[in-house]
Amino acid sequence: MKIVSIFAANLYAFHYTDERDNEFTRLMQLWTDVNYLRSFAKINDIKDVNKFVNDILSDAEDIDDFLYQLHENIESFCRYFEPLQLSEYTKVLSFQKGKIKKNQLRLYAIKIDENCFVITGGAIKMSQTMQGHPDTDLELKKLNAARTFLQSNGVFDDKSFYEIIL
């Protein structure tokens, strides 16, 4: 497992050993793959498959555009990421979810510092809680594993984080 930069010193993503791409790239490719989306819709008993596919394609583009705009305008990625739960608000290496209003896609990340995040994964939001669907339940496990990895490598702030990725 390694960590790669997405946007300079503010947004990173895990690149898991068994995957070809880092999580951000992998998810953007998956969420723009019409065959995958059609299959996902059928597995999840979505009635209007065409609408679902079009909505997810649009949602993926919105996320990509929003993150790029934050980076270009030198704005905080806190405008996209928020604590997964209120109890995570003040925690070091807190769990974060990235969301835009009326968007079914979620990127999950660990907050390293005020404007530094590491994406651990993401999912199409199909349930109210992360434990309510197998995909989001897996993402919760990845968040926990990522935090454990960072802690075991001595990460507790942005300086210690930058030491392990250099």
C-alpha atoms as a PDB file:
ATOM      1  CA  MET A   1       0.000   0.000   0.000  1.00  0.00           C
ATOM      2  CA  LYS A   2       1.270   3.433  -0.878  1.00  0.00           C
ATOM      3  CA  ILE A   3      -0.064   6.984  -0.911  1.00  0.00           C
ATOM      4  CA  VAL A   4      -0.049   9.106  -4.067  1.00  0.00           C
ATOM      5  CA  SER A   5      -0.718  12.794  -4.641  1.00  0.00           C
ATOM      6  CA  ILE A   6      -3.871  13.839  -6.475  1.00  0.00           C
ATOM      7  CA  PHE A   7      -3.734  17.624  -5.956  1.00  0.00           C
ATOM      8  CA  ALA A   8      -0.378  18.938  -4.705  1.00  0.00           C
ATOM      9  CA  ALA A   9      -0.032  18.917  -0.925  1.00  0.00           C
ATOM     10  CA  ASN A  10      -3.737  18.768  -0.122  1.00  0.00           C
ATOM     11  CA  LEU A  11      -5.370  15.704  -1.597  1.00  0.00           C
ATOM     12  CA  TYR A  12      -3.894  12.216  -1.735  1.00  0.00           C
ATOM     13  CA  ALA A  13      -5.215   8.724  -2.329  1.00  0.00           C
ATOM     14  CA  PHE A  14      -4.271   5.260  -1.203  1.00  0.00           C
ATOM     15  CA  HIS A  15      -2.985   2.975  -3.912  1.00  0.00           C
ATOM     16  CA  TYR A  16      -3.663  -0.526  -2.635  1.00  0.00           C
ATOM     17  CA  THR A  17      -1.234  -3.260  -3.614  1.00  0.00           C
ATOM     18  CA  ASP A  18      -3.867  -5.402  -5.347  1.00  0.00           C
ATOM     19  CA  GLU A  19      -5.224  -2.532  -7.474  1.00  0.00           C
ATOM     20  CA  ARG A  20      -3.921  -1.161 -10.776  1.00  0.00           C
ATOM     21  CA  ASP A  21      -4.774   2.469  -9.897  1.00  0.00           C
ATOM     22  CA  ASN A  22      -5.057   4.658  -6.816  1.00  0.00           C
ATOM     23  CA  GLU A  23      -8.510   4.910  -5.263  1.00  0.00           C
ATOM     24  CA  PHE A  24      -9.432   8.267  -6.779  1.00  0.00           C
ATOM     25  CA  THR A  25      -8.544   7.188 -10.318  1.00  0.00           C
ATOM     26  CA  ARG A  26     -10.089   3.734  -9.837  1.00  0.00           C
ATOM     27  CA  LEU A  27     -13.382   5.181  -8.623  1.00  0.00           C
ATOM     28  CA  MET A  28     -13.630   7.842 -11.322  1.00  0.00           C
ATOM     29  CA  GLN A  29     -13.056   5.153 -13.957  1.00  0.00           C
ATOM     30  CA  LEU A  30     -15.612   2.865 -12.334  1.00  0.00           C
ATOM     31  CA  TRP A  31     -18.234   5.602 -11.950  1.00  0.00           C
ATOM     32  CA  THR A  32     -17.915   6.508 -15.636  1.00  0.00           C
ATOM     33  CA  ASP A  33     -18.059   2.910 -16.891  1.00  0.00           C
ATOM     34  CA  VAL A  34     -21.562   2.471 -18.322  1.00  0.00           C
ATOM     35  CA  ASN A  35     -21.344  -1.345 -18.286  1.00  0.00           C
ATOM     36  CA  TYR A  36     -20.363  -1.347 -14.610  1.00  0.00           C
ATOM     37  CA  LEU A  37     -23.166   1.094 -13.751  1.00  0.00           C
ATOM     38  CA  ARG A  38     -25.774  -0.983 -15.603  1.00  0.00           C
ATOM     39  CA  SER A  39     -24.614  -4.111 -13.784  1.00  0.00           C
ATOM     40  CA  PHE A  40     -24.641  -2.269 -10.437  1.00  0.00           C
ATOM     41  CA  ALA A  41     -28.193  -1.052 -11.129  1.00  0.00           C
ATOM     42  CA  LYS A  42     -29.419  -4.566 -11.898  1.00  0.00           C
ATOM     43  CA  ILE A  43     -27.730  -6.091  -8.830  1.00  0.00           C
ATOM     44  CA  ASN A  44     -29.295  -3.400  -6.646  1.00  0.00           C
ATOM     45  CA  ASP A  45     -32.791  -3.699  -8.196  1.00  0.00           C
ATOM     46  CA  ILE A  46     -32.849  -0.150  -9.546  1.00  0.00           C
ATOM     47  CA  LYS A  47     -35.954   0.238 -11.660  1.00  0.00           C
ATOM     48  CA  ASP A  48     -34.943   3.013 -14.064  1.00  0.00           C
ATOM     49  CA  VAL A  49     -31.482   1.835 -15.120  1.00  0.00           C
ATOM     50  CA  ASN A  50     -30.981   4.528 -17.776  1.00  0.00           C
ATOM     51  CA  LYS A  51     -31.789   7.352 -15.350  1.00  0.00           C
ATOM     52  CA  PHE A  52     -29.500   5.819 -12.715  1.00  0.00           C
ATOM     53  CA  VAL A  53     -26.611   5.515 -15.188  1.00  0.00           C
ATOM     54  CA  ASN A  54     -27.052   9.090 -16.417  1.00  0.00           C
ATOM     55  CA  ASP A  55     -27.304  10.401 -12.844  1.00  0.00           C
ATOM     56  CA  ILE A  56     -24.108   8.629 -11.741  1.00  0.00           C
ATOM     57  CA  LEU A  57     -22.200   9.780 -14.829  1.00  0.00           C
ATOM     58  CA  SER A  58     -23.270  13.345 -14.058  1.00  0.00           C
ATOM     59  CA  ASP A  59     -22.452  12.958 -10.348  1.00  0.00           C
ATOM     60  CA  ALA A  60     -18.934  11.698 -11.135  1.00  0.00           C
ATOM     61  CA  GLU A  61     -18.312  14.642 -13.438  1.00  0.00           C
ATOM     62  CA  ASP A  62     -19.610  17.051 -10.765  1.00  0.00           C
ATOM     63  CA  ILE A  63     -17.205  15.653  -8.153  1.00  0.00           C
ATOM     64  CA  ASP A  64     -14.240  15.770 -10.503  1.00  0.00           C
ATOM     65  CA  ASP A  65     -15.068  19.354 -11.525  1.00  0.00           C
ATOM     66  CA  PHE A  66     -15.662  20.488  -7.936  1.00  0.00           C
ATOM     67  CA  LEU A  67     -12.359  19.079  -6.649  1.00  0.00           C
ATOM     68  CA  TYR A  68     -10.477  20.566  -9.589  1.00  0.00           C
ATOM     69  CA  GLN A  69     -12.059  23.980  -8.947  1.00  0.00           C
ATOM     70  CA  LEU A  70     -11.106  23.827  -5.262  1.00  0.00           C
ATOM     71  CA  HIS A  71      -7.535  23.080  -6.260  1.00  0.00           C
ATOM     72  CA  GLU A  72      -7.398  25.765  -8.970  1.00  0.00           C
ATOM     73  CA  ASN A  73      -8.913  28.432  -6.707  1.00  0.00           C
ATOM     74  CA  ILE A  74      -6.658  27.416  -3.803  1.00  0.00           C
ATOM     75  CA  GLU A  75      -9.696  26.760  -1.612  1.00  0.00           C
ATOM     76  CA  SER A  76      -9.853  24.319   1.267  1.00  0.00           C
ATOM     77  CA  PHE A  77     -10.906  20.757   0.520  1.00  0.00           C
ATOM     78  CA  CYS A  78     -12.968  21.099   3.719  1.00  0.00           C
ATOM     79  CA  ARG A  79     -15.605  22.535   1.369  1.00  0.00           C
ATOM     80  CA  TYR A  80     -16.012  18.991   0.033  1.00  0.00           C
ATOM     81  CA  PHE A  81     -15.064  16.724   2.931  1.00  0.00           C
ATOM     82  CA  GLU A  82     -16.936  16.672   6.218  1.00  0.00           C
ATOM     83  CA  PRO A  83     -16.768  14.396   9.271  1.00  0.00           C
ATOM     84  CA  LEU A  84     -18.414  11.038   8.723  1.00  0.00           C
ATOM     85  CA  GLN A  85     -20.006  11.374  12.167  1.00  0.00           C
ATOM     86  CA  LEU A  86     -20.099  14.193  14.712  1.00  0.00           C
ATOM     87  CA  SER A  87     -17.830  12.141  16.988  1.00  0.00           C
ATOM     88  CA  GLU A  88     -15.127  12.341  14.288  1.00  0.00           C
ATOM     89  CA  TYR A  89     -15.111  16.151  14.267  1.00  0.00           C
ATOM     90  CA  THR A  90     -12.177  16.656  16.639  1.00  0.00           C
ATOM     91  CA  LYS A  91     -10.349  13.345  16.232  1.00  0.00           C
ATOM     92  CA  VAL A  92      -6.850  13.179  14.856  1.00  0.00           C
ATOM     93  CA  LEU A  93      -6.970  11.208  11.585  1.00  0.00           C
ATOM     94  CA  SER A  94     -10.744  11.578  11.475  1.00  0.00           C
ATOM     95  CA  PHE A  95     -13.004   9.784   9.023  1.00  0.00           C
ATOM     96  CA  GLN A  96     -14.416  12.091   6.358  1.00  0.00           C
ATOM     97  CA  LYS A  97     -17.000  11.789   3.625  1.00  0.00           C
ATOM     98  CA  GLY A  98     -16.957  13.865   0.507  1.00  0.00           C
ATOM     99  CA  LYS A  99     -20.318  14.935  -0.716  1.00  0.00           C
ATOM    100  CA  ILE A 100     -22.098  17.413  -2.902  1.00  0.00           C
ATOM    101  CA  LYS A 101     -25.826  18.073  -2.508  1.00  0.00           C
ATOM    102  CA  LYS A 102     -28.034  15.718  -4.486  1.00  0.00           C
ATOM    103  CA  ASN A 103     -25.081  13.516  -5.423  1.00  0.00           C
ATOM    104  CA  GLN A 104     -25.191   9.759  -4.800  1.00  0.00           C
ATOM    105  CA  LEU A 105     -21.423   9.288  -4.881  1.00  0.00           C
ATOM    106  CA  ARG A 106     -19.223   9.415  -1.812  1.00  0.00           C
ATOM    107  CA  LEU A 107     -15.485   9.592  -1.522  1.00  0.00           C
ATOM    108  CA  TYR A 108     -14.202   8.533   1.883  1.00  0.00           C
ATOM    109  CA  ALA A 109     -11.004   9.951   3.313  1.00  0.00           C
ATOM    110  CA  ILE A 110      -8.860  10.394   6.381  1.00  0.00           C
ATOM    111  CA  LYS A 111      -8.311  14.000   7.426  1.00  0.00           C
ATOM    112  CA  ILE A 112      -4.613  14.522   8.094  1.00  0.00           C
ATOM    113  CA  ASP A 113      -4.762  18.220   8.892  1.00  0.00           C
ATOM    114  CA  GLU A 114      -6.899  21.283   8.189  1.00  0.00           C
ATOM    115  CA  ASN A 115      -6.563  21.058   4.388  1.00  0.00           C
ATOM    116  CA  CYS A 116      -4.950  17.663   3.835  1.00  0.00           C
ATOM    117  CA  PHE A 117      -6.940  14.504   3.104  1.00  0.00           C
ATOM    118  CA  VAL A 118      -6.164  10.953   1.938  1.00  0.00           C
ATOM    119  CA  ILE A 119      -8.888   9.175  -0.026  1.00  0.00           C
ATOM    120  CA  THR A 120      -9.360   5.608   1.154  1.00  0.00           C
ATOM    121  CA  GLY A 121     -12.176   4.646  -1.196  1.00  0.00           C
ATOM    122  CA  GLY A 122     -15.685   5.523  -2.231  1.00  0.00           C
ATOM    123  CA  ALA A 123     -19.102   4.143  -3.047  1.00  0.00           C
ATOM    124  CA  ILE A 124     -22.447   4.776  -4.642  1.00  0.00           C
ATOM    125  CA  LYS A 125     -24.655   5.713  -1.697  1.00  0.00           C
ATOM    126  CA  MET A 126     -27.475   3.180  -1.496  1.00  0.00           C
ATOM    127  CA  SER A 127     -28.344   3.265   2.215  1.00  0.00           C
ATOM    128  CA  GLN A 128     -28.654   5.706   5.090  1.00  0.00           C
ATOM    129  CA  THR A 129     -25.816   4.148   7.112  1.00  0.00           C
ATOM    130  CA  MET A 130     -22.536   2.678   5.943  1.00  0.00           C
ATOM    131  CA  GLN A 131     -23.467  -0.685   7.485  1.00  0.00           C
ATOM    132  CA  GLY A 132     -26.701  -0.717   5.445  1.00  0.00           C
ATOM    133  CA  HIS A 133     -25.086  -1.856   2.177  1.00  0.00           C
ATOM    134  CA  PRO A 134     -22.163  -4.218   1.456  1.00  0.00           C
ATOM    135  CA  ASP A 135     -20.265  -1.590  -0.572  1.00  0.00           C
ATOM    136  CA  THR A 136     -20.338   1.099   2.098  1.00  0.00           C
ATOM    137  CA  ASP A 137     -19.686  -1.464   4.832  1.00  0.00           C
ATOM    138  CA  LEU A 138     -16.487  -2.400   2.961  1.00  0.00           C
ATOM    139  CA  GLU A 139     -15.544   1.279   2.754  1.00  0.00           C
ATOM    140  CA  LEU A 140     -15.899   1.623   6.525  1.00  0.00           C
ATOM    141  CA  LYS A 141     -13.480  -1.290   6.940  1.00  0.00           C
ATOM    142  CA  LYS A 142     -11.050   0.412   4.534  1.00  0.00           C
ATOM    143  CA  LEU A 143     -11.271   3.643   6.566  1.00  0.00           C
ATOM    144  CA  ASN A 144     -10.402   1.731   9.738  1.00  0.00           C
ATOM    145  CA  ALA A 145      -7.522  -0.105   8.047  1.00  0.00           C
ATOM    146  CA  ALA A 146      -6.169   3.137   6.580  1.00  0.00           C
ATOM    147  CA  ARG A 147      -6.230   4.900   9.952  1.00  0.00           C
ATOM    148  CA  THR A 148      -4.472   1.928  11.539  1.00  0.00           C
ATOM    149  CA  PHE A 149      -1.844   2.023   8.769  1.00  0.00           C
ATOM    150  CA  LEU A 150      -1.243   5.744   9.282  1.00  0.00           C
ATOM    151  CA  GLN A 151      -1.067   5.410  13.063  1.00  0.00           C
ATOM    152  CA  SER A 152       1.317   2.461  12.867  1.00  0.00           C
ATOM    153  CA  ASN A 153       3.573   4.592  10.661  1.00  0.00           C
ATOM    154  CA  GLY A 154       3.638   7.408  13.214  1.00  0.00           C
ATOM    155  CA  VAL A 155       1.287   9.810  11.445  1.00  0.00           C
ATOM    156  CA  PHE A 156      -0.425  12.269  13.780  1.00  0.00           C
ATOM    157  CA  ASP A 157      -0.290  15.536  11.794  1.00  0.00           C
ATOM    158  CA  ASP A 158       0.676  16.894   8.376  1.00  0.00           C
ATOM    159  CA  LYS A 159       4.423  16.972   9.128  1.00  0.00           C
ATOM    160  CA  SER A 160       4.562  13.309  10.146  1.00  0.00           C
ATOM    161  CA  PHE A 161       2.367  12.466   7.140  1.00  0.00           C
ATOM    162  CA  TYR A 162       4.703  14.199   4.680  1.00  0.00           C
ATOM    163  CA  GLU A 163       7.647  12.302   6.198  1.00  0.00           C
ATOM    164  CA  ILE A 164       6.156   8.922   5.278  1.00  0.00           C
ATOM    165  CA  ILE A 165       5.206   9.857   1.714  1.00  0.00           C
ATOM    166  CA  LEU A 166       8.515  11.411   0.696  1.00  0.00           C
END
